Amino acid sequence: SAGRPNTTALVATLATGTLCCLIFGNLPALLIAAATVFTAIQIARAKIQGQTGDILGATQQLTEITILLCLATTL
């Protein structure tokens, strides 16, 4: 079960991120962040058949960058 969050943690994390994007009224940021995460997951599965801590860290950084870029372009 290493590298697989339980359902409660997954739902709480998704709900928090979605709520933050909706509060700030930035649905495009939410959609682009989801696309970024999906793309990172697909690349990790294709290259190393899974994930590591480095993959998770890189995905977090990429997602944060895309959200900040979305917020910066809407201001």
Protein backbone atom coordinates (compact mmCIF):
# COMPACT_ATOMS: atom_id res chain seq x y z
CA SER A 1 0.00 0.00 0.00
CA ALA A 2 3.05 2.27 -0.09
CA GLY A 3 2.45 5.32 -2.24
CA ARG A 4 -1.33 4.87 -2.18
CA PRO A 5 -3.25 7.27 0.06
CA ASN A 6 -6.37 5.99 1.77
CA THR A 7 -9.72 7.15 0.44
CA THR A 8 -10.36 9.63 3.26
CA ALA A 9 -7.07 11.45 2.67
CA LEU A 10 -7.63 11.49 -1.08
CA VAL A 11 -11.15 12.93 -0.81
CA ALA A 12 -10.06 15.53 1.77
CA THR A 13 -7.17 16.67 -0.43
CA LEU A 14 -9.28 16.91 -3.57
CA ALA A 15 -12.07 18.74 -1.72
CA THR A 16 -9.64 21.27 -0.23
CA GLY A 17 -8.00 22.05 -3.56
CA THR A 18 -11.32 22.30 -5.36
CA LEU A 19 -12.80 24.53 -2.67
CA CYS A 20 -9.81 26.89 -2.80
CA CYS A 21 -10.08 27.24 -6.58
CA LEU A 22 -13.82 27.81 -6.40
CA ILE A 23 -13.54 30.38 -3.60
CA PHE A 24 -11.11 32.40 -5.69
CA GLY A 25 -13.36 31.94 -8.70
CA ASN A 26 -10.72 30.36 -10.84
CA LEU A 27 -12.16 27.25 -12.44
CA PRO A 28 -9.57 27.30 -15.27
CA ALA A 29 -6.79 26.97 -12.67
CA LEU A 30 -8.51 23.90 -11.27
CA LEU A 31 -8.88 22.32 -14.69
CA ILE A 32 -5.30 23.08 -15.72
CA ALA A 33 -3.97 21.77 -12.39
CA ALA A 34 -5.95 18.54 -12.89
CA ALA A 35 -4.53 18.20 -16.40
CA THR A 36 -1.01 18.75 -15.05
CA VAL A 37 -1.42 16.04 -12.42
CA PHE A 38 -2.99 13.63 -14.92
CA THR A 39 -0.12 14.19 -17.35
CA ALA A 40 2.51 13.64 -14.64
CA ILE A 41 0.78 10.42 -13.59
CA GLN A 42 0.73 9.12 -17.15
CA ILE A 43 4.42 9.94 -17.68
CA ALA A 44 5.40 8.26 -14.39
CA ARG A 45 3.42 5.14 -15.25
CA ALA A 46 4.94 4.96 -18.73
CA LYS A 47 8.53 5.54 -17.63
CA ILE A 48 8.84 3.80 -14.25
CA GLN A 49 5.52 1.96 -13.84
CA GLY A 50 4.56 3.93 -10.73
CA GLN A 51 5.63 6.78 -8.54
CA THR A 52 8.32 7.77 -6.09
CA GLY A 53 8.75 10.63 -3.68
CA ASP A 54 10.62 12.52 -6.37
CA ILE A 55 7.69 12.13 -8.76
CA LEU A 56 5.27 13.40 -6.11
CA GLY A 57 7.50 16.39 -5.37
CA ALA A 58 7.89 17.25 -9.03
CA THR A 59 4.14 16.93 -9.58
CA GLN A 60 3.46 19.25 -6.64
CA GLN A 61 5.89 21.83 -8.00
CA LEU A 62 4.47 21.66 -11.52
CA THR A 63 0.92 21.95 -10.24
CA GLU A 64 1.77 24.92 -8.05
CA ILE A 65 3.49 26.67 -10.95
CA THR A 66 0.51 26.15 -13.25
CA ILE A 67 -1.96 27.41 -10.63
CA LEU A 68 0.16 30.48 -9.93
CA LEU A 69 0.46 31.20 -13.65
CA CYS A 70 -3.32 30.94 -14.02
CA LEU A 71 -3.86 33.28 -11.10
CA ALA A 72 -1.27 35.74 -12.44
CA THR A 73 -2.89 35.88 -15.87
CA THR A 74 -6.34 36.57 -14.43
CA LEU A 75 -5.28 39.49 -12.24
